[in-house]
Amino acid sequence: KRPQVDALIELVEELNPQPRPLEMAPEKLSARWRLVYTTSSSILGMRRPRPFRPRPRIFQHIDVARLEAKNEEWILGGLVKNAVRAKLTPRTDGRTVDVGFTQFRVGGIPFNVGPGRFKGVLETTFLDDELRISRGDRGNLFVLVREGPPAV
């Protein structure tokens, strides 16, 4: 089933109306995005005990003007919120950012991290008014739907 879903997503990516969203459509990229599909087992918490897997929702906030992002997840049946904050550094292709994680928050407890300790890369491969598809540096696929303005 997963290969079929991934193949359909690739077809949608070919129709991308915003090939350089960081430059041409920052107002569309800046939003609160709800994750609806991913191939990332770490984002889904597959190695965690079931109560500590994120449910029922995972959000990503992106603020292009401030070059900041925040990911949020709820665990223990939605009772506890975890979050991670990051600084974004655009690459020259207009669709890819280097992601430098700056703070993790477990429940209400923040943990600041040094620059460069935790990092990644995220490429936006499709963006319109309601849908965003991105790919990470570890080959993971993310499909998100717009939920409102960012709250970074």
N, C-alpha and C. Protein backbone atom coordinates (compact mmCIF):
# COMPACT_ATOMS: atom_id res chain seq x y z
N LYS A 1 0.83 -1.20 0.00
CA LYS A 1 0.00 0.00 0.00
C LYS A 1 0.87 1.26 0.00
N ARG A 2 1.92 1.27 0.83
CA ARG A 2 2.78 2.46 0.90
C ARG A 2 3.39 2.81 -0.46
N PRO A 3 3.91 1.84 -1.24
CA PRO A 3 4.46 2.20 -2.55
C PRO A 3 3.41 2.84 -3.46
N GLN A 4 2.17 2.40 -3.37
CA GLN A 4 1.11 2.99 -4.19
C GLN A 4 0.84 4.43 -3.77
N VAL A 5 0.77 4.67 -2.47
CA VAL A 5 0.54 6.02 -1.96
C VAL A 5 1.69 6.93 -2.37
N ASP A 6 2.92 6.45 -2.19
CA ASP A 6 4.09 7.25 -2.55
C ASP A 6 4.10 7.57 -4.05
N ALA A 7 3.70 6.62 -4.89
CA ALA A 7 3.65 6.86 -6.34
C ALA A 7 2.60 7.91 -6.68
N LEU A 8 1.47 7.89 -6.01
CA LEU A 8 0.44 8.92 -6.23
C LEU A 8 0.93 10.29 -5.80
N ILE A 9 1.65 10.34 -4.70
CA ILE A 9 2.19 11.61 -4.22
C ILE A 9 3.20 12.16 -5.23
N GLU A 10 4.01 11.29 -5.82
CA GLU A 10 4.96 11.74 -6.85
C GLU A 10 4.24 12.35 -8.04
N LEU A 11 3.09 11.81 -8.40
CA LEU A 11 2.30 12.39 -9.50
C LEU A 11 1.81 13.79 -9.14
N VAL A 12 1.38 13.97 -7.90
CA VAL A 12 0.95 15.30 -7.45
C VAL A 12 2.13 16.27 -7.46
N GLU A 13 3.30 15.82 -7.01
CA GLU A 13 4.49 16.69 -6.99
C GLU A 13 4.83 17.22 -8.38
N GLU A 14 4.57 16.42 -9.41
CA GLU A 14 4.85 16.86 -10.77
C GLU A 14 3.98 18.05 -11.19
N LEU A 15 2.88 18.27 -10.49
CA LEU A 15 1.96 19.36 -10.79
C LEU A 15 2.21 20.60 -9.93
N ASN A 16 3.34 20.64 -9.25
CA ASN A 16 3.64 21.72 -8.30
C ASN A 16 3.50 23.10 -8.94
N PRO A 17 2.55 23.92 -8.44
CA PRO A 17 2.38 25.27 -9.00
C PRO A 17 3.40 26.28 -8.45
N GLN A 18 4.16 25.89 -7.41
CA GLN A 18 5.12 26.80 -6.79
C GLN A 18 6.49 26.14 -6.70
N PRO A 19 7.27 26.10 -7.78
CA PRO A 19 8.56 25.41 -7.73
C PRO A 19 9.61 26.11 -6.85
N ARG A 20 9.40 27.40 -6.53
CA ARG A 20 10.33 28.14 -5.67
C ARG A 20 9.53 28.85 -4.57
N PRO A 21 8.90 28.09 -3.67
CA PRO A 21 7.97 28.69 -2.71
C PRO A 21 8.59 29.68 -1.73
N LEU A 22 9.86 29.50 -1.39
CA LEU A 22 10.49 30.44 -0.47
C LEU A 22 10.59 31.84 -1.06
N GLU A 23 10.73 31.91 -2.40
CA GLU A 23 10.87 33.20 -3.07
C GLU A 23 9.54 33.70 -3.64
N MET A 24 8.78 32.79 -4.25
CA MET A 24 7.60 33.19 -5.01
C MET A 24 6.30 33.14 -4.21
N ALA A 25 6.26 32.38 -3.12
CA ALA A 25 5.00 32.25 -2.37
C ALA A 25 5.24 32.09 -0.87
N PRO A 26 6.04 32.96 -0.26
CA PRO A 26 6.30 32.80 1.17
C PRO A 26 5.03 32.91 2.01
N GLU A 27 4.04 33.68 1.54
CA GLU A 27 2.79 33.81 2.29
C GLU A 27 2.00 32.51 2.30
N LYS A 28 2.18 31.67 1.29
CA LYS A 28 1.51 30.36 1.27
C LYS A 28 2.25 29.35 2.14
N LEU A 29 3.57 29.44 2.16
CA LEU A 29 4.37 28.51 2.95
C LEU A 29 4.26 28.80 4.44
N SER A 30 4.11 30.08 4.80
CA SER A 30 3.96 30.46 6.20
C SER A 30 2.56 30.08 6.67
N ALA A 31 2.50 29.08 7.56
CA ALA A 31 1.20 28.60 8.01
C ALA A 31 1.38 27.60 9.14
N ARG A 32 0.25 27.22 9.70
CA ARG A 32 0.19 26.08 10.62
C ARG A 32 -0.27 24.90 9.77
N TRP A 33 0.57 23.89 9.68
CA TRP A 33 0.33 22.73 8.83
C TRP A 33 0.08 21.50 9.69
N ARG A 34 -0.97 20.73 9.36
CA ARG A 34 -1.27 19.48 10.06
C ARG A 34 -0.78 18.31 9.22
N LEU A 35 0.01 17.46 9.83
CA LEU A 35 0.55 16.29 9.15
C LEU A 35 -0.56 15.26 8.93
N VAL A 36 -0.73 14.84 7.67
CA VAL A 36 -1.74 13.83 7.36
C VAL A 36 -1.12 12.52 6.87
N TYR A 37 0.16 12.56 6.46
CA TYR A 37 0.83 11.34 6.01
C TYR A 37 2.33 11.56 6.11
N THR A 38 3.04 10.54 6.58
CA THR A 38 4.50 10.58 6.57
C THR A 38 5.04 9.16 6.50
N THR A 39 6.24 9.05 5.94
CA THR A 39 6.95 7.79 5.94
C THR A 39 7.97 7.73 7.07
N SER A 40 8.03 8.77 7.90
CA SER A 40 9.01 8.86 8.98
C SER A 40 8.54 8.10 10.22
N SER A 41 9.22 7.00 10.52
CA SER A 41 8.84 6.25 11.72
C SER A 41 9.21 7.01 12.99
N SER A 42 10.24 7.87 12.94
CA SER A 42 10.59 8.64 14.13
C SER A 42 9.54 9.71 14.44
N ILE A 43 9.00 10.37 13.41
CA ILE A 43 7.94 11.36 13.63
C ILE A 43 6.70 10.67 14.22
N LEU A 44 6.42 9.47 13.74
CA LEU A 44 5.26 8.73 14.24
C LEU A 44 5.54 8.04 15.57
N GLY A 45 6.80 8.10 16.04
CA GLY A 45 7.14 7.53 17.33
C GLY A 45 7.02 6.01 17.38
N MET A 46 7.33 5.34 16.29
CA MET A 46 7.12 3.89 16.21
C MET A 46 7.98 3.10 17.19
N ARG A 47 9.08 3.66 17.65
CA ARG A 47 9.93 2.96 18.63
C ARG A 47 9.54 3.29 20.07
N ARG A 48 8.59 4.16 20.25
CA ARG A 48 8.13 4.51 21.60
C ARG A 48 7.02 3.56 22.04
N PRO A 49 6.85 3.39 23.35
CA PRO A 49 5.68 2.66 23.81
C PRO A 49 4.41 3.37 23.33
N ARG A 50 3.37 2.62 23.06
CA ARG A 50 2.14 3.16 22.46
C ARG A 50 1.62 4.45 23.13
N PRO A 51 1.57 4.57 24.45
CA PRO A 51 1.03 5.82 25.02
C PRO A 51 1.88 7.06 24.71
N PHE A 52 3.14 6.85 24.33
CA PHE A 52 4.04 7.97 24.06
C PHE A 52 4.18 8.27 22.57
N ARG A 53 3.37 7.61 21.76
CA ARG A 53 3.33 7.92 20.33
C ARG A 53 2.41 9.12 20.13
N PRO A 54 2.78 10.02 19.23
CA PRO A 54 1.96 11.23 19.05
C PRO A 54 0.58 10.92 18.48
N ARG A 55 -0.43 11.33 19.20
CA ARG A 55 -1.82 11.20 18.79
C ARG A 55 -2.60 12.32 19.43
N PRO A 56 -3.61 12.83 18.92
CA PRO A 56 -4.17 12.49 17.62
C PRO A 56 -3.66 13.38 16.51
N ARG A 57 -2.77 14.32 16.81
CA ARG A 57 -2.39 15.28 15.77
C ARG A 57 -0.91 15.67 15.90
N ILE A 58 -0.34 16.05 14.76
CA ILE A 58 1.02 16.57 14.70
C ILE A 58 0.96 17.81 13.81
N PHE A 59 1.53 18.92 14.31
CA PHE A 59 1.52 20.17 13.56
C PHE A 59 2.94 20.65 13.29
N GLN A 60 3.08 21.40 12.18
CA GLN A 60 4.31 22.11 11.89
C GLN A 60 3.94 23.55 11.55
N HIS A 61 4.54 24.48 12.28
CA HIS A 61 4.35 25.91 12.03
C HIS A 61 5.59 26.40 11.28
N ILE A 62 5.37 27.13 10.19
CA ILE A 62 6.48 27.72 9.45
C ILE A 62 6.22 29.21 9.30
N ASP A 63 7.22 30.01 9.67
CA ASP A 63 7.17 31.46 9.50
C ASP A 63 8.37 31.84 8.62
N VAL A 64 8.10 32.05 7.33
CA VAL A 64 9.18 32.33 6.38
C VAL A 64 9.83 33.68 6.67
N ALA A 65 9.05 34.68 7.05
CA ALA A 65 9.61 36.01 7.32
C ALA A 65 10.64 35.97 8.44
N ARG A 66 10.39 35.15 9.46
CA ARG A 66 11.31 35.04 10.60
C ARG A 66 12.30 33.88 10.44
N LEU A 67 12.09 33.06 9.38
CA LEU A 67 12.91 31.87 9.14
C LEU A 67 12.94 30.97 10.37
N GLU A 68 11.73 30.70 10.90
CA GLU A 68 11.58 29.85 12.07
C GLU A 68 10.50 28.81 11.84
N ALA A 69 10.64 27.71 12.54
CA ALA A 69 9.64 26.65 12.48
C ALA A 69 9.46 26.07 13.87
N LYS A 70 8.30 25.46 14.05
CA LYS A 70 8.01 24.75 15.30
C LYS A 70 7.17 23.53 14.97
N ASN A 71 7.58 22.38 15.48
CA ASN A 71 6.80 21.16 15.36
C ASN A 71 6.16 20.87 16.71
N GLU A 72 4.90 20.40 16.68
CA GLU A 72 4.19 20.07 17.92
C GLU A 72 3.55 18.69 17.79
N GLU A 73 3.59 17.95 18.89
CA GLU A 73 2.91 16.66 18.96
C GLU A 73 2.28 16.52 20.34
N TRP A 74 1.23 15.72 20.40
CA TRP A 74 0.57 15.45 21.67
C TRP A 74 0.69 13.96 21.96
N ILE A 75 1.02 13.63 23.20
CA ILE A 75 1.14 12.22 23.61
C ILE A 75 0.20 11.97 24.79
N LEU A 76 0.19 10.73 25.26
CA LEU A 76 -0.66 10.33 26.39
C LEU A 76 -2.10 10.72 26.13
N GLY A 77 -2.58 10.35 24.94
CA GLY A 77 -3.97 10.63 24.59
C GLY A 77 -4.29 12.09 24.41
N GLY A 78 -3.29 12.91 24.11
CA GLY A 78 -3.50 14.34 23.89
C GLY A 78 -3.34 15.18 25.14
N LEU A 79 -2.90 14.59 26.23
CA LEU A 79 -2.76 15.32 27.50
C LEU A 79 -1.46 16.12 27.60
N VAL A 80 -0.41 15.66 26.93
CA VAL A 80 0.91 16.29 27.05
C VAL A 80 1.39 16.72 25.66
N LYS A 81 1.85 17.98 25.58
CA LYS A 81 2.36 18.51 24.31
C LYS A 81 3.88 18.57 24.36
N ASN A 82 4.49 18.03 23.32
CA ASN A 82 5.93 18.16 23.10
C ASN A 82 6.12 19.08 21.89
N ALA A 83 7.26 19.77 21.86
CA ALA A 83 7.51 20.68 20.74
C ALA A 83 9.01 20.76 20.48
N VAL A 84 9.34 21.17 19.28
CA VAL A 84 10.72 21.45 18.91
C VAL A 84 10.72 22.73 18.07
N ARG A 85 11.66 23.62 18.35
CA ARG A 85 11.81 24.86 17.59
C ARG A 85 13.06 24.77 16.73
N ALA A 86 13.02 25.47 15.59
CA ALA A 86 14.15 25.41 14.66
C ALA A 86 14.31 26.73 13.92
N LYS A 87 15.55 27.00 13.54
CA LYS A 87 15.87 28.10 12.64
C LYS A 87 16.04 27.51 11.25
N LEU A 88 15.58 28.25 10.25
CA LEU A 88 15.63 27.80 8.86
C LEU A 88 16.64 28.64 8.08
N THR A 89 17.45 27.98 7.28
CA THR A 89 18.40 28.67 6.42
C THR A 89 18.11 28.27 4.98
N PRO A 90 17.58 29.20 4.18
CA PRO A 90 17.23 28.86 2.79
C PRO A 90 18.45 28.53 1.94
N ARG A 91 18.27 27.58 1.05
CA ARG A 91 19.27 27.29 0.02
C ARG A 91 18.92 28.08 -1.23
N THR A 92 19.80 28.08 -2.19
CA THR A 92 19.61 28.92 -3.37
C THR A 92 18.55 28.41 -4.34
N ASP A 93 18.06 27.19 -4.18
CA ASP A 93 17.08 26.65 -5.13
C ASP A 93 15.66 27.19 -4.90
N GLY A 94 15.44 27.93 -3.79
CA GLY A 94 14.14 28.53 -3.54
C GLY A 94 13.09 27.58 -2.98
N ARG A 95 13.46 26.33 -2.70
CA ARG A 95 12.49 25.37 -2.17
C ARG A 95 13.04 24.53 -1.01
N THR A 96 14.34 24.65 -0.73
CA THR A 96 14.97 23.82 0.29
C THR A 96 15.53 24.68 1.41
N VAL A 97 15.37 24.19 2.65
CA VAL A 97 15.95 24.87 3.81
C VAL A 97 16.78 23.88 4.62
N ASP A 98 17.85 24.40 5.19
CA ASP A 98 18.58 23.67 6.22
C ASP A 98 17.87 23.99 7.53
N VAL A 99 17.64 22.97 8.32
CA VAL A 99 16.90 23.10 9.57
C VAL A 99 17.86 22.88 10.73
N GLY A 100 17.98 23.89 11.59
CA GLY A 100 18.81 23.77 12.79
C GLY A 100 17.93 23.83 14.01
N PHE A 101 17.80 22.71 14.70
CA PHE A 101 16.92 22.65 15.87
C PHE A 101 17.57 23.37 17.04
N THR A 102 16.79 24.22 17.71
CA THR A 102 17.33 25.07 18.77
C THR A 102 16.78 24.75 20.15
N GLN A 103 15.57 24.19 20.21
CA GLN A 103 14.97 23.90 21.52
C GLN A 103 13.99 22.75 21.40
N PHE A 104 14.08 21.84 22.35
CA PHE A 104 13.10 20.77 22.49
C PHE A 104 12.31 21.05 23.76
N ARG A 105 11.02 20.77 23.72
CA ARG A 105 10.17 20.98 24.89
C ARG A 105 9.41 19.68 25.13
N VAL A 106 9.66 19.07 26.27
CA VAL A 106 8.98 17.85 26.66
C VAL A 106 7.99 18.20 27.75
N GLY A 107 6.69 18.07 27.45
CA GLY A 107 5.69 18.60 28.36
C GLY A 107 5.90 20.11 28.42
N GLY A 108 6.09 20.65 29.58
CA GLY A 108 6.35 22.09 29.70
C GLY A 108 7.80 22.41 29.96
N ILE A 109 8.70 21.43 29.83
CA ILE A 109 10.10 21.63 30.19
C ILE A 109 10.95 21.84 28.94
N PRO A 110 11.56 23.06 28.81
CA PRO A 110 12.38 23.33 27.62
C PRO A 110 13.82 22.84 27.80
N PHE A 111 14.40 22.37 26.69
CA PHE A 111 15.80 21.97 26.64
C PHE A 111 16.43 22.67 25.45
N ASN A 112 17.28 23.66 25.72
CA ASN A 112 17.97 24.35 24.63
C ASN A 112 19.14 23.50 24.15
N VAL A 113 19.41 23.56 22.86
CA VAL A 113 20.52 22.78 22.30
C VAL A 113 21.46 23.72 21.56
N GLY A 114 22.73 23.34 21.53
CA GLY A 114 23.73 24.17 20.87
C GLY A 114 23.57 24.15 19.36
N PRO A 115 24.02 25.23 18.71
CA PRO A 115 23.93 25.31 17.25
C PRO A 115 24.64 24.14 16.57
N GLY A 116 23.99 23.58 15.57
CA GLY A 116 24.60 22.52 14.78
C GLY A 116 24.51 21.12 15.36
N ARG A 117 24.01 20.99 16.59
CA ARG A 117 23.93 19.65 17.20
C ARG A 117 22.88 18.77 16.54
N PHE A 118 21.71 19.35 16.29
CA PHE A 118 20.62 18.62 15.66
C PHE A 118 20.20 19.40 14.42
N LYS A 119 20.28 18.76 13.27
CA LYS A 119 19.98 19.47 12.04
C LYS A 119 19.38 18.53 11.02
N GLY A 120 18.81 19.12 9.99
CA GLY A 120 18.21 18.37 8.91
C GLY A 120 18.05 19.26 7.70
N VAL A 121 17.42 18.71 6.67
CA VAL A 121 17.14 19.44 5.44
C VAL A 121 15.70 19.13 5.06
N LEU A 122 14.98 20.15 4.58
CA LEU A 122 13.60 19.95 4.18
C LEU A 122 13.36 20.66 2.84
N GLU A 123 12.86 19.90 1.87
CA GLU A 123 12.56 20.44 0.55
C GLU A 123 11.05 20.42 0.34
N THR A 124 10.48 21.55 -0.05
CA THR A 124 9.06 21.63 -0.37
C THR A 124 8.90 21.28 -1.84
N THR A 125 8.23 20.16 -2.11
CA THR A 125 8.11 19.66 -3.48
C THR A 125 6.74 19.93 -4.09
N PHE A 126 5.78 20.38 -3.28
CA PHE A 126 4.47 20.80 -3.78
C PHE A 126 3.89 21.78 -2.77
N LEU A 127 3.30 22.87 -3.28
CA LEU A 127 2.65 23.84 -2.41
C LEU A 127 1.53 24.53 -3.17
N ASP A 128 0.33 24.48 -2.59
CA ASP A 128 -0.76 25.32 -3.09
C ASP A 128 -1.46 25.93 -1.87
N ASP A 129 -2.68 26.40 -2.03
CA ASP A 129 -3.35 27.10 -0.94
C ASP A 129 -3.69 26.19 0.25
N GLU A 130 -3.81 24.90 0.02
CA GLU A 130 -4.26 23.99 1.08
C GLU A 130 -3.34 22.83 1.37
N LEU A 131 -2.42 22.50 0.47
CA LEU A 131 -1.62 21.28 0.57
C LEU A 131 -0.14 21.59 0.44
N ARG A 132 0.66 20.91 1.25
CA ARG A 132 2.12 21.00 1.14
C ARG A 132 2.70 19.60 1.20
N ILE A 133 3.62 19.32 0.29
CA ILE A 133 4.36 18.06 0.31
C ILE A 133 5.83 18.42 0.45
N SER A 134 6.50 17.76 1.38
CA SER A 134 7.92 18.02 1.60
C SER A 134 8.67 16.70 1.72
N ARG A 135 9.96 16.78 1.46
CA ARG A 135 10.84 15.61 1.59
C ARG A 135 12.03 16.00 2.45
N GLY A 136 12.38 15.10 3.36
CA GLY A 136 13.50 15.34 4.26
C GLY A 136 14.78 14.72 3.75
N ASP A 137 15.88 15.04 4.41
CA ASP A 137 17.20 14.57 3.99
C ASP A 137 17.40 13.09 4.24
N ARG A 138 16.55 12.45 5.00
CA ARG A 138 16.67 11.01 5.24
C ARG A 138 15.71 10.21 4.35
N GLY A 139 15.19 10.87 3.31
CA GLY A 139 14.31 10.19 2.37
C GLY A 139 12.86 10.13 2.80
N ASN A 140 12.52 10.81 3.90
CA ASN A 140 11.15 10.77 4.38
C ASN A 140 10.25 11.73 3.61
N LEU A 141 9.01 11.36 3.53
CA LEU A 141 7.98 12.10 2.82
C LEU A 141 6.97 12.62 3.83
N PHE A 142 6.54 13.87 3.64
CA PHE A 142 5.58 14.51 4.54
C PHE A 142 4.48 15.15 3.71
N VAL A 143 3.23 14.86 4.04
CA VAL A 143 2.08 15.48 3.39
C VAL A 143 1.32 16.21 4.49
N LEU A 144 1.09 17.51 4.27
CA LEU A 144 0.46 18.34 5.28
C LEU A 144 -0.65 19.18 4.68
N VAL A 145 -1.64 19.53 5.50
CA VAL A 145 -2.73 20.40 5.06
C VAL A 145 -2.73 21.65 5.93
N ARG A 146 -3.07 22.78 5.30
CA ARG A 146 -3.08 24.07 5.99
C ARG A 146 -4.18 24.10 7.06
N GLU A 147 -3.82 24.58 8.26
CA GLU A 147 -4.79 24.69 9.35
C GLU A 147 -4.95 26.13 9.84
N GLY A 148 -4.16 27.05 9.34
CA GLY A 148 -4.28 28.43 9.79
C GLY A 148 -2.93 29.12 9.81
N PRO A 149 -2.85 30.30 10.46
CA PRO A 149 -1.59 31.03 10.50
C PRO A 149 -0.59 30.37 11.46
N PRO A 150 0.71 30.64 11.22
CA PRO A 150 1.73 30.04 12.10
C PRO A 150 1.71 30.66 13.48
N ALA A 151 2.13 29.88 14.47
CA ALA A 151 2.30 30.38 15.84
C ALA A 151 3.68 29.92 16.31
N VAL A 152 4.70 30.54 15.74
CA VAL A 152 6.07 30.15 16.08
C VAL A 152 6.47 30.95 17.24
